[in-house]
Amino acid sequence: MFLRIWIGLFIYQQQYFTFATFSFNQPRFRISATWNSIATTFADEHFAGEVPHGIFINSNNSIYILNRKTSKIHIWQNENDPNPTKTISGNLTYSFSLFVTMNGNIYVDNRMNGHVHKWFVENEAWTSVMNITSTCFGLFIDIYESLYCSL
């Protein structure tokens, strides 16, 4: 079971109440949780690469896996299908992390090219949004759309 976090933001100047949701899941595990020994492996080395680093699960349980070797992002929107629903290609070199926003935009660190790139879901195009001099081991977008990179 996953928990969707709701945050109420009250803005005095404009006098209205809005709700914002996070794009990522925060699983809640019981103390007695155990590994499912008969679970199905859906992403092998072909999709995830030899040493997978960038994995993201959004609030709709869609799974995003960054394959560093092929420079592709594989997306599973149906947990019962062993094949990705979509695959996105990019000039992603030695990437470690990705973050997906509520509207489906994807941010990926691209260390070897010295940038964090954003993939726009509307026009399916990449653009550079941040210059970096080191690997972003973690990317995060807050509710104000500020981009954070963990070095």
Protein backbone atom coordinates (compact mmCIF):
# COMPACT_ATOMS: atom_id res chain seq x y z
CA MET A 1 0.00 0.00 0.00
CA PHE A 2 1.32 3.41 -0.92
CA LEU A 3 0.68 6.74 0.73
CA ARG A 4 -0.03 9.85 -1.28
CA ILE A 5 1.02 12.93 0.61
CA TRP A 6 -1.25 15.95 0.49
CA ILE A 7 0.00 19.35 1.51
CA GLY A 8 -2.30 22.28 2.02
CA LEU A 9 -0.83 25.64 1.15
CA PHE A 10 -2.68 28.64 2.49
CA ILE A 11 -1.76 31.90 0.79
CA TYR A 12 -2.92 34.94 2.75
CA GLN A 13 -2.43 37.57 0.08
CA GLN A 14 -4.63 35.83 -2.48
CA GLN A 15 -6.93 34.21 0.11
CA TYR A 16 -7.40 30.81 -1.40
CA PHE A 17 -6.57 27.28 -0.42
CA THR A 18 -4.82 24.89 -2.80
CA PHE A 19 -3.64 21.31 -2.62
CA ALA A 20 -0.39 20.01 -4.07
CA THR A 21 0.58 16.38 -4.44
CA PHE A 22 4.00 14.87 -4.82
CA SER A 23 4.83 12.94 -7.97
CA PHE A 24 6.58 10.14 -6.13
CA ASN A 25 5.38 7.29 -3.95
CA GLN A 26 6.43 6.87 -0.37
CA PRO A 27 5.77 3.24 0.52
CA ARG A 28 4.80 2.38 4.07
CA PHE A 29 6.21 -0.91 5.22
CA ARG A 30 5.06 -2.76 8.28
CA ILE A 31 7.68 -3.87 10.76
CA SER A 32 6.88 -7.48 9.85
CA ALA A 33 7.23 -6.93 6.07
CA THR A 34 8.92 -9.78 4.22
CA TRP A 35 10.31 -10.25 0.72
CA ASN A 36 7.89 -11.88 -1.73
CA SER A 37 9.81 -15.01 -2.74
CA ILE A 38 7.52 -15.68 -5.72
CA ALA A 39 7.57 -12.17 -7.15
CA THR A 40 8.08 -11.61 -10.86
CA THR A 41 11.22 -9.93 -12.18
CA PHE A 42 10.08 -7.50 -14.85
CA ALA A 43 13.28 -5.61 -15.64
CA ASP A 44 16.36 -7.67 -16.30
CA GLU A 45 19.83 -6.55 -17.40
CA HIS A 46 18.50 -5.88 -20.91
CA PHE A 47 16.28 -3.04 -19.63
CA ALA A 48 18.00 -1.93 -16.43
CA GLY A 49 21.64 -2.36 -17.48
CA GLU A 50 24.44 -4.02 -15.57
CA VAL A 51 24.47 -1.63 -12.62
CA PRO A 52 21.13 0.21 -12.45
CA HIS A 53 21.07 3.47 -10.52
CA GLY A 54 18.18 5.61 -11.74
CA ILE A 55 14.83 4.12 -10.74
CA PHE A 56 11.72 6.22 -10.09
CA ILE A 57 8.16 5.18 -9.18
CA ASN A 58 5.52 7.87 -9.50
CA SER A 59 2.23 8.17 -7.60
CA ASN A 60 0.44 6.18 -10.34
CA ASN A 61 2.88 3.28 -9.79
CA SER A 62 4.51 3.83 -13.18
CA ILE A 63 8.12 2.66 -13.07
CA TYR A 64 10.95 4.56 -14.78
CA ILE A 65 14.34 2.88 -15.18
CA LEU A 66 17.40 4.64 -16.54
CA ASN A 67 19.74 2.35 -18.50
CA ARG A 68 23.17 3.99 -18.37
CA LYS A 69 24.64 1.73 -21.04
CA THR A 70 22.01 2.34 -23.74
CA SER A 71 21.13 5.96 -22.75
CA LYS A 72 17.45 5.02 -22.63
CA ILE A 73 14.68 5.44 -20.10
CA HIS A 74 12.23 2.54 -19.98
CA ILE A 75 8.74 3.22 -18.61
CA TRP A 76 6.26 0.66 -17.34
CA GLN A 77 2.75 2.06 -16.83
CA ASN A 78 1.17 -1.36 -16.42
CA GLU A 79 2.67 -3.45 -13.66
CA ASN A 80 1.39 -6.66 -15.28
CA ASP A 81 3.28 -6.21 -18.56
CA PRO A 82 6.88 -7.46 -18.70
CA ASN A 83 7.69 -5.08 -21.57
CA PRO A 84 8.02 -1.31 -21.19
CA THR A 85 5.06 0.81 -22.26
CA LYS A 86 7.44 3.45 -23.61
CA THR A 87 11.16 3.89 -24.18
CA ILE A 88 12.77 7.33 -24.40
CA SER A 89 16.17 7.76 -26.02
CA GLY A 90 18.56 10.58 -25.28
CA ASN A 91 22.21 11.53 -25.37
CA LEU A 92 22.54 10.53 -21.72
CA THR A 93 26.09 9.67 -20.73
CA TYR A 94 27.03 8.17 -17.36
CA SER A 95 23.73 9.22 -15.81
CA PHE A 96 22.90 8.22 -12.24
CA SER A 97 19.55 9.75 -11.34
CA LEU A 98 16.19 10.81 -12.67
CA PHE A 99 13.07 12.48 -11.31
CA VAL A 100 9.59 12.57 -12.87
CA THR A 101 7.16 15.42 -12.18
CA MET A 102 3.37 15.14 -11.82
CA ASN A 103 2.84 16.13 -15.47
CA GLY A 104 5.34 13.53 -16.75
CA ASN A 105 8.38 15.70 -17.42
CA ILE A 106 11.61 13.80 -16.73
CA TYR A 107 14.83 15.27 -15.30
CA VAL A 108 18.07 13.29 -15.77
CA ASP A 109 21.62 14.08 -14.77
CA ASN A 110 24.03 13.88 -17.69
CA ARG A 111 27.39 14.13 -15.95
CA MET A 112 29.66 13.53 -18.91
CA ASN A 113 27.99 16.38 -20.79
CA GLY A 114 27.96 18.60 -17.68
CA HIS A 115 24.18 19.14 -17.55
CA VAL A 116 20.91 18.08 -16.05
CA HIS A 117 18.47 17.55 -18.90
CA LYS A 118 14.70 17.83 -18.92
CA TRP A 119 12.48 15.79 -21.23
CA PHE A 120 9.21 17.57 -21.97
CA VAL A 121 6.26 15.21 -22.22
CA GLU A 122 4.27 17.69 -24.38
CA ASN A 123 6.68 17.77 -27.32
CA GLU A 124 8.94 14.83 -26.42
CA ALA A 125 12.09 16.94 -26.62
CA TRP A 126 15.17 17.33 -24.42
CA THR A 127 16.66 20.58 -23.13
CA SER A 128 19.43 21.45 -20.68
CA VAL A 129 18.19 23.03 -17.43
CA MET A 130 21.26 23.01 -15.16
CA ASN A 131 25.04 22.98 -15.53
CA ILE A 132 26.87 20.52 -13.28
CA THR A 133 30.53 19.67 -12.67
CA SER A 134 29.91 16.43 -10.80
CA THR A 135 27.45 13.55 -10.80
CA CYS A 136 23.99 14.20 -9.38
CA PHE A 137 23.47 11.06 -7.32
CA GLY A 138 19.93 12.22 -6.62
CA LEU A 139 17.58 14.69 -8.30
CA PHE A 140 14.53 16.24 -6.68
CA ILE A 141 11.89 18.77 -7.77
CA ASP A 142 9.94 20.43 -4.95
CA ILE A 143 6.34 21.67 -5.10
CA TYR A 144 7.60 25.07 -6.26
CA GLU A 145 9.40 23.38 -9.20
CA SER A 146 12.87 24.09 -7.81
CA LEU A 147 15.48 21.60 -8.99
CA TYR A 148 17.87 20.03 -6.46
CA CYS A 149 20.97 17.95 -7.23
CA SER A 150 22.68 15.78 -4.58
CA LEU A 151 26.42 15.73 -5.27
